[in-house]
Amino acid sequence: MSEVQERKPGVYLCKGCGIGEGVSVDELEQLSTGDLKIPTCRQHDTLCSDEGVEVIKKDIADGTINQAIIGACSHRVMSDRFSFNGTQVIRANLREQVVWSHPAGEEDTQMLAADHVRMGVAQAAKTTPPEPSIEGEYTRTILVVGGGIAGLSAAKEAAATGHEVVLAERSDKLGGWAAKWSKRMPHRPPYRDPQDNDIQALIAEVEGLGAITVMTNTIVTETSGSPGKFAVTLSQGGTASNHQIGAIVVATGWRPYDPKNLGHLGYGASPDVVTGIELEEKLAAGPIGKKAVAFIQCAGSRDPDHLPYCSSVCCGVSIKQALQIVESDPDAMAYIIYDELRTPGTAEEFYRQAQEAGVIFMKGKVKGVGSDLTVTYHDELLGEEIPMAGLDMVVLATGMVPNSTNPEIEASEKGVEQLIDDINPLSPINIASESEGEDALEEEKKETAAEEAEEDTAIEAPLPGGPILNLQYRQGPHLPVLADGFADSHYICFPYETRRTGIYTCGPVRRPMDMAETAEDATGAVLKAIQSLENAKTGTSVHPRVGDLSFPKFGLDICTKCRRCTVECPFGAIDEDENDFPILNASRCRRCGTCMGACPVRTISFDNYSSEMVGDMIGACEIPDEFSGKPRILVLACENDAYPALDMAGINRHEYSPFMRIIPVRCLGSVTMLWISTALEKGYDGVMLMGCKSGDDYQCHFIKGSGIAQERMAKVGETLKSMMLEEERVVVEEVSIADSGRVGELLTGFSDKIIEMGFNPFKGF
């Protein structure tokens, strides 16, 4: 349905799953055809049945409706049943969030159901089916950056699916670190002995595939565009070439932690104190001729002064090297000193084999290594400090540092511990309404300019090396990374994704892993890259709103060029033209709506999600007067974690306050402060924003929704004070999808607090 088509909404009410017993469906029909003036309203005992679906299909076919407002179960279920060839469907959640979470037959439950229908009708009145953004031809070629086992595996898998591949490796040969090992950790049954390294066979296979263009001595000097239409410039030995690329897999691998920082463990004091990498090269050349070798685990790892994380594979690598030593020389002794030994899954068999082969494991913390190779450690079992003399080699098991930057391109001398986790400052938004005039907008521009000055400083040299892809994005040339240098992503749900759509990481640049895990990881990243190509071709979004056709539209006629949308977009989807107006790269966009929430003049909207639409949904609910004893509380719930948790609370029959009016939002980052002021002015007694977990271990599918909302709340507090309202009337709660057992308590607790606080004095005005 386009804007010029007449809207023909119809309301369809299901009586199944306890809805008919919990509320009066007849009253909901009377509301729909009466006050809401919906000409078509039908009831059915089981709307999702073939017979029920046919009722809706018939009305669509004969032109009776072109919008179906379905009062039944949550929009998170039965979406396939209620899909009608492009006809717009609005869902009113009468099951999980009404009859399954509130007492049957009570007045408050009926009022809640009525408001759900009202909100559904209001939503339908201000939404239109989105049209996809598809621009010209899209290429299917995949660029793989890095020629180690991750890059080789990714290139091979991509070629196997029929895609052309460009494989760019910065060194003069393929294989990476893996090409230097004589043996590898076991990856086939019985998982007990070091196995031959077959990397050369993989290299030969990749070089023999016609679909793969291998370019060694090559770096990426520039990347622009978006998924399906990346324009990439590669430099091979100083000669530039341009390539049209559909998606990018970053497989740049790792480098060992710098052992020069480990002087306290004897590195540099003796040539016989070596790293695991240096020992690997010696083993590849043949027997090392040492009779007593001690391995020190976690050398610089799990240490806040060095690498704070565990590299996970170091224990297995030391076991492999120790076995190689004792198997090559029956008189040799190998000792592994560990604080925590980590051999998960089948690696436990490898550990047992080492024990049976005579490798000695000692649990303790190393205090230091002397110039005579005496290792002093505190033995955890004996409870005392022990000097270990008579060694002729000490091996430091150093950790893995991700190659999230190109160390060969000089950019900064800052260390890995100074990697930034976000180039976008979280900026509080000015919630002033349009009526406050140009002064408010000028203040917005001043704040944004100050933040941009800070941002530009951060972009200039935040990382210890040049950018891998040199992105020509408004938000800078680097892929955003976490504090330890690994690519930023929603680690739980979307581990391969970066914050740059169409660009995926795999292998140790994503997290520490061994060769077998790396090859498997590459397959996953390639599948996601192919998926992004297909999404770009059809104009649909990638995760988490997979298949969404909508995208933000900008009313440039009233745009103030404050640039908040370009700064706050979590995915770098918006650039700026020569006049500082925003330019959307639609296939980069993940449809979170953060730009909409950031805009101070509300000039950004989606066809099916807008400031006006949600505002009308808020206004559609009936607000009882202050004498009724029935408060009304608005809940803006993130659709990714909070809303599912609320649904699951209903599924588990957890009851909570009937005074809440829940509206799903794409992300708390999309929440405009106008919605809060609208609710309070209309007479809502409180507002709860319910979003995902924030912080270092964030769970927000759109990166920083809850964090942005918390920042914006600082402005809300000022506004509430000016309205003579308590700041406590507006709260932000962070929940995970697993919090269904406590969301009801949160809602009821907030409702009780509002009742104790007293009703909104604006109620009735």
Foldseek 3Di string as FASTA:
>chain_A
DDPPDDAQEAEEEECEPPLVQQEPVVVLQCCCCPVVVRVHYYYDPGLLDPVNLVVVQVCVVVVNGLEYEYEEADCVPSVVSPDHPQRHYFYQHLFLQARLFAGGPDPLSHQQSNLSSLLRSLLSVQFDAFFFDADDAFAQEEEEEAQALLSLLLLVLLVVVVHAYEYEHQAPDHHPLLVLFQWFQDDDPPRAATHGRPSVVSRVVSVPDPSYHYAYNKFWDEWEAAARAIWTWMARVNDIDIDGHRFYEYAHAWDFFDCVVQVQAPPPLDPQEEALSVLRNCVNVPAPPWAEEEEEEQRQECDPVRHVHDLQCLLSSLLNSQCSHCVRPVRHEYEYEEQDRHQPDSSVSNVVSSVVSHHHYFYWAWRGADSQRWTWTQGPVVRGIDTDHDGRHYYYSTHIAAPQADLVAAQDQDDLLQAAQDLFDQAAAAQDACVVDDVSVVVLLVRLVVRVVVSVVCQRGRDNHHGRNQYPFQNHGGFRPASRQAADALCPPDQQDHLFPSYGYFACSSGNDGSVRRSVRSSVNSVSNSLLNVCNNSSAADPDRGRRSKDKDFPVVPQPLSCQLCRPQSRRQWHADPVSDIDGSSSRDRPLQLSQQRGNHQRIAISSGGPSSVLSSLVSRDQDFQVVLQAAEEEAEAPAARVLLSSVLSVVSHYADSRYNYDYHNFLSNDHCVSVVSNLLQWHLAYEYEHAAADSSTNHNSHQRLVSNVSNLVSVCVVCVVVVHHSLRYYYHHDGNPVSVCPRVVRRVSVVVSSVVGTRPSHPD
